[in-house]
Amino acid sequence: MRHLESQLQQSLVTLLRMDHRCRNLFAIPNGGLRNIRTAVRLKKEGVLAGVPDLFLPVARGKFHGLFMELKTDKGTLSPSQKIMGENLIESGYAVVVIRSIDEGRLKVAEYLGSKS
């Protein structure tokens, strides 16, 4: 499943960065297998479980930016992802779950206020 999410994320980032408004789009490499030393160090540095995969730091309307969690068709949000999403929304951010390139393109276009 992780490989499919990675492919989706790579394709979506490539597509979105063609739009100048998405030039500052960045990934948050929170997941993945790591040895215990690295995991402990990253946790001390501030890594939090549940943080979405991508962030678009562009304010629109009442939102400070757009967080995106990518999932396959069968993927589900973990409890920490649900809690983090709720916390981010309460803090003034838009949060979306994306399951395909077309859905990602559409949700980002809607967020940015365009029709394409």
Protein backbone atom coordinates (compact mmCIF):
# COMPACT_ATOMS: atom_id res chain seq x y z
CA MET A 1 0.00 0.00 0.00
CA ARG A 2 2.76 2.47 0.91
CA HIS A 3 4.32 2.05 -2.55
CA LEU A 4 1.02 3.00 -4.23
CA GLU A 5 0.64 6.04 -1.97
CA SER A 6 4.20 7.06 -2.82
CA GLN A 7 3.50 6.80 -6.55
CA LEU A 8 0.33 8.87 -6.13
CA GLN A 9 2.19 11.49 -4.13
CA GLN A 10 5.06 11.73 -6.64
CA SER A 11 2.66 12.12 -9.57
CA LEU A 12 0.52 14.67 -7.76
CA VAL A 13 3.51 16.79 -6.71
CA THR A 14 4.82 16.79 -10.29
CA LEU A 15 1.43 17.87 -11.61
CA LEU A 16 0.74 20.52 -8.97
CA ARG A 17 4.15 22.16 -9.22
CA MET A 18 3.36 23.05 -12.84
CA ASP A 19 1.02 25.67 -11.33
CA HIS A 20 3.03 28.68 -10.11
CA ARG A 21 0.71 28.96 -7.09
CA CYS A 22 1.96 25.56 -5.93
CA ARG A 23 5.69 26.29 -6.27
CA ASN A 24 6.11 26.13 -2.46
CA LEU A 25 4.22 22.84 -2.07
CA PHE A 26 6.26 20.51 0.10
CA ALA A 27 6.18 17.00 1.53
CA ILE A 28 6.35 16.17 5.21
CA PRO A 29 8.41 12.95 5.44
CA ASN A 30 6.84 11.75 8.67
CA GLY A 31 6.43 8.06 7.89
CA GLY A 32 8.59 5.24 6.72
CA LEU A 33 10.71 2.63 8.38
CA ARG A 34 13.64 3.92 10.40
CA ASN A 35 16.05 2.42 12.86
CA ILE A 36 15.29 3.08 16.51
CA ARG A 37 18.05 5.69 16.95
CA THR A 38 16.78 7.75 14.05
CA ALA A 39 13.16 7.43 15.21
CA VAL A 40 14.08 8.61 18.73
CA ARG A 41 16.11 11.53 17.35
CA LEU A 42 13.31 12.61 15.00
CA LYS A 43 10.75 12.44 17.79
CA LYS A 44 12.97 14.66 19.95
CA GLU A 45 13.25 17.05 17.00
CA GLY A 46 9.47 17.38 16.90
CA VAL A 47 8.11 14.76 14.52
CA LEU A 48 4.46 14.09 15.31
CA ALA A 49 2.34 11.10 14.35
CA GLY A 50 -0.57 11.90 12.08
CA VAL A 51 0.81 14.92 10.26
CA PRO A 52 -0.48 14.91 6.65
CA ASP A 53 1.78 14.10 3.69
CA LEU A 54 1.79 17.42 1.85
CA PHE A 55 1.39 21.09 2.74
CA LEU A 56 0.57 23.98 0.45
CA PRO A 57 1.48 27.18 2.34
CA VAL A 58 -0.96 29.42 0.48
CA ALA A 59 -3.63 31.25 2.46
CA ARG A 60 -7.11 31.31 0.93
CA GLY A 61 -10.24 32.76 2.50
CA LYS A 62 -10.40 31.72 6.14
CA PHE A 63 -7.59 29.15 5.79
CA HIS A 64 -3.88 29.62 6.46
CA GLY A 65 -2.90 26.78 4.10
CA LEU A 66 -3.88 23.35 2.77
CA PHE A 67 -2.75 20.04 4.25
CA MET A 68 -3.18 16.91 2.10
CA GLU A 69 -3.20 13.29 3.23
CA LEU A 70 -2.79 10.79 0.41
CA LYS A 71 -4.43 7.38 0.60
CA THR A 72 -5.12 4.55 -1.78
CA ASP A 73 -8.72 3.62 -2.56
CA LYS A 74 -8.69 1.15 0.34
CA GLY A 75 -6.48 3.19 2.68
CA THR A 76 -7.93 4.50 5.92
CA LEU A 77 -6.89 7.27 8.25
CA SER A 78 -5.18 6.19 11.45
CA PRO A 79 -6.52 7.51 14.76
CA SER A 80 -3.56 9.91 15.00
CA GLN A 81 -4.25 11.19 11.47
CA LYS A 82 -7.89 11.85 12.36
CA ILE A 83 -6.95 13.73 15.53
CA MET A 84 -4.24 15.75 13.78
CA GLY A 85 -6.66 16.65 10.97
CA GLU A 86 -9.22 17.88 13.48
CA ASN A 87 -6.55 19.89 15.32
CA LEU A 88 -5.33 21.48 12.09
CA ILE A 89 -8.87 22.43 11.08
CA GLU A 90 -9.45 23.99 14.51
CA SER A 91 -6.22 25.96 13.97
CA GLY A 92 -7.45 27.47 10.70
CA TYR A 93 -6.08 25.09 8.06
CA ALA A 94 -7.91 23.23 5.32
CA VAL A 95 -7.34 19.47 5.38
CA VAL A 96 -8.25 17.04 2.59
CA VAL A 97 -7.81 13.34 1.90
CA ILE A 98 -6.78 12.58 -1.69
CA ARG A 99 -7.17 9.16 -3.33
CA SER A 100 -6.30 9.89 -6.97
CA ILE A 101 -4.45 12.38 -9.12
CA ASP A 102 -7.74 13.73 -10.52
CA GLU A 103 -9.19 14.14 -7.04
CA GLY A 104 -6.02 15.91 -5.91
CA ARG A 105 -6.04 18.26 -8.89
CA LEU A 106 -9.70 19.07 -8.29
CA LYS A 107 -9.39 19.63 -4.52
CA VAL A 108 -6.34 21.88 -4.91
CA ALA A 109 -8.03 23.83 -7.71
CA GLU A 110 -11.12 24.28 -5.53
CA TYR A 111 -8.95 25.42 -2.62
CA LEU A 112 -7.08 27.90 -4.80
CA GLY A 113 -10.38 29.17 -6.24
CA SER A 114 -9.95 28.12 -9.83
CA LYS A 115 -12.06 25.88 -12.02
CA SER A 116 -9.28 23.65 -13.48
